[in-house]
Amino acid sequence: QVQLQESGPGLVKPSQMLSLTCTVSGGSITTRYYAWSWIRQPPGKGLEWMGAIAYDGITYYSPSLKSRTSISRDNAKNTVYLQMNNLKPEDTAIYYCAAKVAINMQAMCAPGYVMSYWGKGTLVTASS
């Protein structure tokens, strides 16, 4: 059973960088053809796909967040990372790590966000 666990700081000051970790167990992040996504949900709003890293290491980003977001991985640690620069109060959200078989960006962020695996999420508050 694949399990995903997000971790990171709960509070980040505006303009600072957010760094989150998704630790994966029960399966490898290099397994064909899985894509490992970061998805967030601001308070009172819907889910927003932020980006993903595919099994082959290729990254994909939401156009609206691409300039501030970076997704990377450590194969040895079976871990996926999210970094977001210049954090804003509107970035306050629950951040989820999720995975599904997806061979292109359209499939990764298809409406409905039907994923095979989800982490429990971690709340990040951007506030001074």
N, C-alpha and C. Protein backbone atom coordinates (compact mmCIF):
# COMPACT_ATOMS: atom_id res chain seq x y z
N GLN A 1 0.82 -1.18 0.00
CA GLN A 1 0.00 0.00 0.00
C GLN A 1 0.88 1.26 0.00
N VAL A 2 0.70 2.07 -1.01
CA VAL A 2 1.48 3.29 -1.10
C VAL A 2 0.93 4.32 -0.12
N GLN A 3 1.84 4.92 0.62
CA GLN A 3 1.46 5.97 1.57
C GLN A 3 2.30 7.22 1.32
N LEU A 4 1.66 8.37 1.43
CA LEU A 4 2.33 9.65 1.24
C LEU A 4 2.17 10.47 2.51
N GLN A 5 3.26 11.11 2.92
CA GLN A 5 3.24 11.92 4.14
C GLN A 5 3.89 13.26 3.87
N GLU A 6 3.08 14.31 3.98
CA GLU A 6 3.62 15.65 3.80
C GLU A 6 4.19 16.17 5.11
N SER A 7 5.21 17.01 5.01
CA SER A 7 5.76 17.64 6.19
C SER A 7 6.36 18.98 5.80
N GLY A 8 6.41 19.87 6.78
CA GLY A 8 6.96 21.19 6.53
C GLY A 8 6.51 22.15 7.60
N PRO A 9 6.93 23.40 7.51
CA PRO A 9 6.57 24.40 8.52
C PRO A 9 5.10 24.78 8.41
N GLY A 10 4.47 24.95 9.51
CA GLY A 10 3.07 25.33 9.50
C GLY A 10 2.86 26.82 9.28
N LEU A 11 3.89 27.60 9.58
CA LEU A 11 3.78 29.05 9.47
C LEU A 11 4.99 29.60 8.72
N VAL A 12 4.71 30.38 7.70
CA VAL A 12 5.75 31.01 6.90
C VAL A 12 5.41 32.48 6.73
N LYS A 13 6.39 33.33 6.86
CA LYS A 13 6.14 34.76 6.71
C LYS A 13 6.03 35.12 5.23
N PRO A 14 5.18 36.07 4.92
CA PRO A 14 5.08 36.53 3.53
C PRO A 14 6.44 36.98 3.00
N SER A 15 6.65 36.73 1.74
CA SER A 15 7.88 37.00 0.98
C SER A 15 8.94 35.93 1.19
N GLN A 16 8.76 35.04 2.17
CA GLN A 16 9.73 33.99 2.39
C GLN A 16 9.43 32.77 1.53
N MET A 17 10.31 31.78 1.60
CA MET A 17 10.16 30.58 0.81
C MET A 17 9.50 29.47 1.61
N LEU A 18 8.62 28.76 0.96
CA LEU A 18 7.99 27.58 1.53
C LEU A 18 8.69 26.33 1.00
N SER A 19 9.03 25.44 1.91
CA SER A 19 9.61 24.15 1.51
C SER A 19 8.83 23.04 2.16
N LEU A 20 8.29 22.15 1.35
CA LEU A 20 7.53 21.01 1.83
C LEU A 20 8.14 19.71 1.32
N THR A 21 7.95 18.66 2.10
CA THR A 21 8.46 17.34 1.77
C THR A 21 7.32 16.35 1.71
N CYS A 22 7.37 15.49 0.71
CA CYS A 22 6.42 14.38 0.61
C CYS A 22 7.22 13.08 0.65
N THR A 23 7.10 12.37 1.75
CA THR A 23 7.80 11.11 1.90
C THR A 23 6.89 9.98 1.47
N VAL A 24 7.39 9.16 0.55
CA VAL A 24 6.58 8.08 -0.02
C VAL A 24 7.06 6.74 0.51
N SER A 25 6.14 5.90 0.90
CA SER A 25 6.46 4.54 1.34
C SER A 25 5.54 3.56 0.65
N GLY A 26 5.99 2.32 0.54
CA GLY A 26 5.17 1.28 -0.07
C GLY A 26 5.22 1.27 -1.58
N GLY A 27 6.02 2.12 -2.17
CA GLY A 27 6.15 2.18 -3.62
C GLY A 27 7.24 3.16 -3.98
N SER A 28 7.76 3.03 -5.19
CA SER A 28 8.86 3.89 -5.64
C SER A 28 8.37 5.05 -6.47
N ILE A 29 8.97 6.22 -6.27
CA ILE A 29 8.58 7.40 -7.04
C ILE A 29 9.07 7.30 -8.49
N THR A 30 9.87 6.30 -8.80
CA THR A 30 10.33 6.12 -10.19
C THR A 30 9.52 5.06 -10.93
N THR A 31 8.48 4.55 -10.28
CA THR A 31 7.64 3.53 -10.92
C THR A 31 6.92 4.10 -12.15
N ARG A 32 7.09 3.43 -13.28
CA ARG A 32 6.36 3.84 -14.48
C ARG A 32 4.87 3.70 -14.24
N TYR A 33 4.08 4.49 -14.69
CA TYR A 33 4.15 5.82 -15.25
C TYR A 33 3.50 6.81 -14.28
N TYR A 34 3.91 6.70 -13.04
CA TYR A 34 3.32 7.54 -12.01
C TYR A 34 3.83 8.98 -12.07
N ALA A 35 2.93 9.89 -11.72
CA ALA A 35 3.26 11.29 -11.55
C ALA A 35 2.88 11.69 -10.14
N TRP A 36 3.74 12.45 -9.52
CA TRP A 36 3.59 12.84 -8.12
C TRP A 36 3.30 14.33 -8.07
N SER A 37 2.09 14.64 -7.66
CA SER A 37 1.59 16.02 -7.74
C SER A 37 1.54 16.70 -6.39
N TRP A 38 1.61 18.00 -6.45
CA TRP A 38 1.30 18.84 -5.29
C TRP A 38 -0.01 19.57 -5.62
N ILE A 39 -0.94 19.48 -4.68
CA ILE A 39 -2.26 20.08 -4.83
C ILE A 39 -2.57 20.81 -3.54
N ARG A 40 -3.18 21.97 -3.65
CA ARG A 40 -3.48 22.72 -2.44
C ARG A 40 -4.95 23.14 -2.41
N GLN A 41 -5.41 23.44 -1.19
CA GLN A 41 -6.78 23.89 -1.00
C GLN A 41 -6.81 25.03 -0.01
N PRO A 42 -6.99 26.25 -0.49
CA PRO A 42 -7.14 27.40 0.43
C PRO A 42 -8.42 27.27 1.24
N PRO A 43 -8.48 27.92 2.38
CA PRO A 43 -9.69 27.86 3.21
C PRO A 43 -10.93 28.30 2.44
N GLY A 44 -11.94 27.47 2.44
CA GLY A 44 -13.19 27.82 1.79
C GLY A 44 -13.19 27.75 0.28
N LYS A 45 -12.10 27.25 -0.30
CA LYS A 45 -12.00 27.19 -1.76
C LYS A 45 -11.75 25.76 -2.24
N GLY A 46 -11.73 25.61 -3.55
CA GLY A 46 -11.53 24.29 -4.11
C GLY A 46 -10.07 23.90 -4.23
N LEU A 47 -9.85 22.69 -4.71
CA LEU A 47 -8.51 22.18 -4.91
C LEU A 47 -7.84 22.87 -6.11
N GLU A 48 -6.55 23.06 -5.99
CA GLU A 48 -5.76 23.67 -7.07
C GLU A 48 -4.53 22.82 -7.31
N TRP A 49 -4.40 22.32 -8.53
CA TRP A 49 -3.21 21.57 -8.90
C TRP A 49 -2.07 22.54 -9.11
N MET A 50 -0.92 22.26 -8.46
CA MET A 50 0.21 23.17 -8.53
C MET A 50 1.27 22.69 -9.52
N GLY A 51 1.49 21.41 -9.55
CA GLY A 51 2.51 20.87 -10.43
C GLY A 51 2.79 19.43 -10.06
N ALA A 52 3.70 18.82 -10.82
CA ALA A 52 4.00 17.42 -10.60
C ALA A 52 5.40 17.08 -11.11
N ILE A 53 5.92 15.99 -10.61
CA ILE A 53 7.14 15.41 -11.14
C ILE A 53 6.82 13.98 -11.55
N ALA A 54 7.14 13.66 -12.78
CA ALA A 54 6.81 12.34 -13.30
C ALA A 54 7.86 11.30 -12.89
N TYR A 55 7.54 10.04 -13.18
CA TYR A 55 8.43 8.94 -12.80
C TYR A 55 9.83 9.10 -13.38
N ASP A 56 9.91 9.80 -14.53
CA ASP A 56 11.19 9.97 -15.20
C ASP A 56 11.89 11.27 -14.81
N GLY A 57 11.33 11.99 -13.85
CA GLY A 57 11.97 13.20 -13.35
C GLY A 57 11.56 14.48 -14.04
N ILE A 58 10.75 14.38 -15.07
CA ILE A 58 10.29 15.58 -15.77
C ILE A 58 9.24 16.29 -14.91
N THR A 59 9.36 17.61 -14.84
CA THR A 59 8.44 18.39 -14.02
C THR A 59 7.44 19.15 -14.88
N TYR A 60 6.28 19.37 -14.29
CA TYR A 60 5.19 20.07 -14.94
C TYR A 60 4.61 21.04 -13.91
N TYR A 61 4.21 22.23 -14.38
CA TYR A 61 3.72 23.24 -13.46
C TYR A 61 2.46 23.90 -13.98
N SER A 62 1.63 24.30 -13.02
CA SER A 62 0.50 25.15 -13.37
C SER A 62 1.05 26.48 -13.88
N PRO A 63 0.55 26.96 -15.00
CA PRO A 63 1.06 28.23 -15.54
C PRO A 63 0.98 29.39 -14.56
N SER A 64 -0.05 29.37 -13.73
CA SER A 64 -0.25 30.49 -12.79
C SER A 64 0.75 30.48 -11.64
N LEU A 65 1.39 29.34 -11.41
CA LEU A 65 2.32 29.24 -10.29
C LEU A 65 3.75 28.94 -10.73
N LYS A 66 3.95 28.75 -12.00
CA LYS A 66 5.24 28.29 -12.50
C LYS A 66 6.40 29.18 -12.11
N SER A 67 6.17 30.48 -12.10
CA SER A 67 7.27 31.42 -11.82
C SER A 67 7.75 31.34 -10.37
N ARG A 68 6.93 30.80 -9.48
CA ARG A 68 7.29 30.78 -8.05
C ARG A 68 7.51 29.37 -7.50
N THR A 69 7.29 28.36 -8.31
CA THR A 69 7.24 26.99 -7.80
C THR A 69 8.33 26.11 -8.40
N SER A 70 8.86 25.25 -7.57
CA SER A 70 9.84 24.27 -8.02
C SER A 70 9.55 22.93 -7.35
N ILE A 71 9.50 21.87 -8.14
CA ILE A 71 9.29 20.53 -7.63
C ILE A 71 10.50 19.69 -7.97
N SER A 72 10.99 18.95 -7.00
CA SER A 72 12.17 18.12 -7.20
C SER A 72 12.00 16.81 -6.43
N ARG A 73 12.99 15.94 -6.53
CA ARG A 73 12.88 14.66 -5.84
C ARG A 73 14.26 14.14 -5.46
N ASP A 74 14.26 13.21 -4.54
CA ASP A 74 15.45 12.48 -4.14
C ASP A 74 15.10 11.00 -4.26
N ASN A 75 15.59 10.38 -5.29
CA ASN A 75 15.22 8.97 -5.52
C ASN A 75 15.68 8.06 -4.38
N ALA A 76 16.86 8.35 -3.85
CA ALA A 76 17.40 7.51 -2.77
C ALA A 76 16.53 7.57 -1.52
N LYS A 77 15.95 8.73 -1.29
CA LYS A 77 15.08 8.90 -0.12
C LYS A 77 13.61 8.67 -0.45
N ASN A 78 13.33 8.42 -1.73
CA ASN A 78 11.95 8.21 -2.17
C ASN A 78 11.05 9.37 -1.72
N THR A 79 11.54 10.56 -1.98
CA THR A 79 10.90 11.78 -1.47
C THR A 79 10.75 12.81 -2.58
N VAL A 80 9.64 13.50 -2.53
CA VAL A 80 9.35 14.58 -3.47
C VAL A 80 9.27 15.89 -2.68
N TYR A 81 9.77 16.96 -3.28
CA TYR A 81 9.84 18.24 -2.60
C TYR A 81 9.06 19.32 -3.38
N LEU A 82 8.56 20.27 -2.61
CA LEU A 82 7.94 21.46 -3.19
C LEU A 82 8.59 22.69 -2.59
N GLN A 83 8.99 23.61 -3.44
CA GLN A 83 9.46 24.91 -2.98
C GLN A 83 8.65 25.99 -3.68
N MET A 84 8.25 26.98 -2.92
CA MET A 84 7.52 28.11 -3.47
C MET A 84 8.13 29.40 -2.94
N ASN A 85 8.52 30.25 -3.86
CA ASN A 85 9.15 31.51 -3.47
C ASN A 85 8.13 32.61 -3.22
N ASN A 86 8.61 33.64 -2.54
CA ASN A 86 7.81 34.86 -2.37
C ASN A 86 6.39 34.55 -1.93
N LEU A 87 6.29 33.89 -0.81
CA LEU A 87 4.98 33.46 -0.33
C LEU A 87 4.09 34.66 -0.03
N LYS A 88 2.79 34.49 -0.33
CA LYS A 88 1.81 35.54 -0.11
C LYS A 88 0.72 35.04 0.83
N PRO A 89 0.01 35.94 1.48
CA PRO A 89 -1.06 35.48 2.38
C PRO A 89 -2.07 34.56 1.68
N GLU A 90 -2.31 34.79 0.41
CA GLU A 90 -3.28 33.96 -0.32
C GLU A 90 -2.74 32.56 -0.63
N ASP A 91 -1.49 32.31 -0.30
CA ASP A 91 -0.94 30.96 -0.42
C ASP A 91 -1.29 30.10 0.79
N THR A 92 -1.93 30.69 1.78
CA THR A 92 -2.39 29.91 2.92
C THR A 92 -3.34 28.83 2.44
N ALA A 93 -3.03 27.58 2.80
CA ALA A 93 -3.81 26.47 2.28
C ALA A 93 -3.36 25.17 2.94
N ILE A 94 -4.14 24.14 2.74
CA ILE A 94 -3.69 22.79 3.03
C ILE A 94 -3.00 22.28 1.77
N TYR A 95 -1.80 21.81 1.93
CA TYR A 95 -1.00 21.32 0.80
C TYR A 95 -0.96 19.80 0.84
N TYR A 96 -1.35 19.21 -0.29
CA TYR A 96 -1.40 17.76 -0.41
C TYR A 96 -0.37 17.26 -1.43
N CYS A 97 0.13 16.09 -1.15
CA CYS A 97 0.91 15.33 -2.11
C CYS A 97 0.00 14.19 -2.59
N ALA A 98 0.01 13.95 -3.89
CA ALA A 98 -0.88 12.92 -4.44
C ALA A 98 -0.22 12.27 -5.65
N ALA A 99 -0.69 11.10 -6.02
CA ALA A 99 -0.07 10.38 -7.13
C ALA A 99 -1.10 9.61 -7.95
N LYS A 100 -0.80 9.49 -9.22
CA LYS A 100 -1.63 8.70 -10.13
C LYS A 100 -0.79 8.35 -11.35
N VAL A 101 -1.27 7.40 -12.11
CA VAL A 101 -0.64 7.11 -13.39
C VAL A 101 -1.07 8.19 -14.37
N ALA A 102 -0.10 8.89 -14.91
CA ALA A 102 -0.40 9.99 -15.85
C ALA A 102 0.81 10.21 -16.74
N ILE A 103 0.59 10.21 -18.03
CA ILE A 103 1.72 10.31 -18.95
C ILE A 103 1.88 11.69 -19.55
N ASN A 104 0.96 12.60 -19.24
CA ASN A 104 1.11 13.96 -19.70
C ASN A 104 0.45 14.92 -18.72
N MET A 105 0.70 16.19 -18.91
CA MET A 105 0.23 17.19 -17.95
C MET A 105 -1.30 17.25 -17.93
N GLN A 106 -1.91 17.05 -19.08
CA GLN A 106 -3.37 17.09 -19.13
C GLN A 106 -3.97 16.03 -18.21
N ALA A 107 -3.35 14.87 -18.19
CA ALA A 107 -3.84 13.79 -17.33
C ALA A 107 -3.52 14.07 -15.87
N MET A 108 -2.39 14.72 -15.62
CA MET A 108 -1.97 14.98 -14.24
C MET A 108 -2.94 15.91 -13.53
N CYS A 109 -3.44 16.91 -14.26
CA CYS A 109 -4.28 17.93 -13.62
C CYS A 109 -5.71 17.89 -14.13
N ALA A 110 -6.16 16.73 -14.57
CA ALA A 110 -7.52 16.61 -15.08
C ALA A 110 -8.54 17.02 -14.03
N PRO A 111 -9.56 17.75 -14.43
CA PRO A 111 -10.59 18.18 -13.47
C PRO A 111 -11.15 17.01 -12.67
N GLY A 112 -11.37 17.28 -11.39
CA GLY A 112 -11.86 16.24 -10.49
C GLY A 112 -10.76 15.67 -9.63
N TYR A 113 -9.52 15.84 -10.07
CA TYR A 113 -8.36 15.41 -9.28
C TYR A 113 -8.55 13.99 -8.74
N VAL A 114 -8.85 13.07 -9.63
CA VAL A 114 -8.98 11.68 -9.22
C VAL A 114 -7.58 11.10 -9.15
N MET A 115 -7.09 10.91 -7.97
CA MET A 115 -5.76 10.39 -7.72
C MET A 115 -5.84 9.00 -7.12
N SER A 116 -4.78 8.24 -7.35
CA SER A 116 -4.73 6.90 -6.75
C SER A 116 -4.34 6.96 -5.28
N TYR A 117 -3.49 7.92 -4.96
CA TYR A 117 -3.00 8.03 -3.59
C TYR A 117 -2.94 9.51 -3.17
N TRP A 118 -3.29 9.73 -1.92
CA TRP A 118 -3.25 11.07 -1.33
C TRP A 118 -2.54 11.01 0.01
N GLY A 119 -1.80 12.09 0.30
CA GLY A 119 -1.35 12.28 1.66
C GLY A 119 -2.46 12.92 2.47
N LYS A 120 -2.24 13.06 3.77
CA LYS A 120 -3.27 13.65 4.62
C LYS A 120 -3.28 15.17 4.53
N GLY A 121 -2.21 15.73 3.99
CA GLY A 121 -2.15 17.18 3.84
C GLY A 121 -1.49 17.85 5.03
N THR A 122 -0.93 19.01 4.75
CA THR A 122 -0.32 19.80 5.81
C THR A 122 -0.75 21.25 5.64
N LEU A 123 -1.17 21.87 6.73
CA LEU A 123 -1.63 23.25 6.68
C LEU A 123 -0.45 24.20 6.72
N VAL A 124 -0.43 25.11 5.76
CA VAL A 124 0.58 26.15 5.72
C VAL A 124 -0.12 27.51 5.79
N THR A 125 0.29 28.29 6.75
CA THR A 125 -0.26 29.63 6.92
C THR A 125 0.81 30.65 6.59
N ALA A 126 0.49 31.52 5.66
CA ALA A 126 1.41 32.58 5.28
C ALA A 126 0.98 33.86 5.99
N SER A 127 1.69 34.18 7.05
CA SER A 127 1.31 35.32 7.87
C SER A 127 2.51 35.82 8.64
N SER A 128 2.50 37.12 8.89
CA SER A 128 3.58 37.70 9.69
C SER A 128 3.20 37.70 11.17
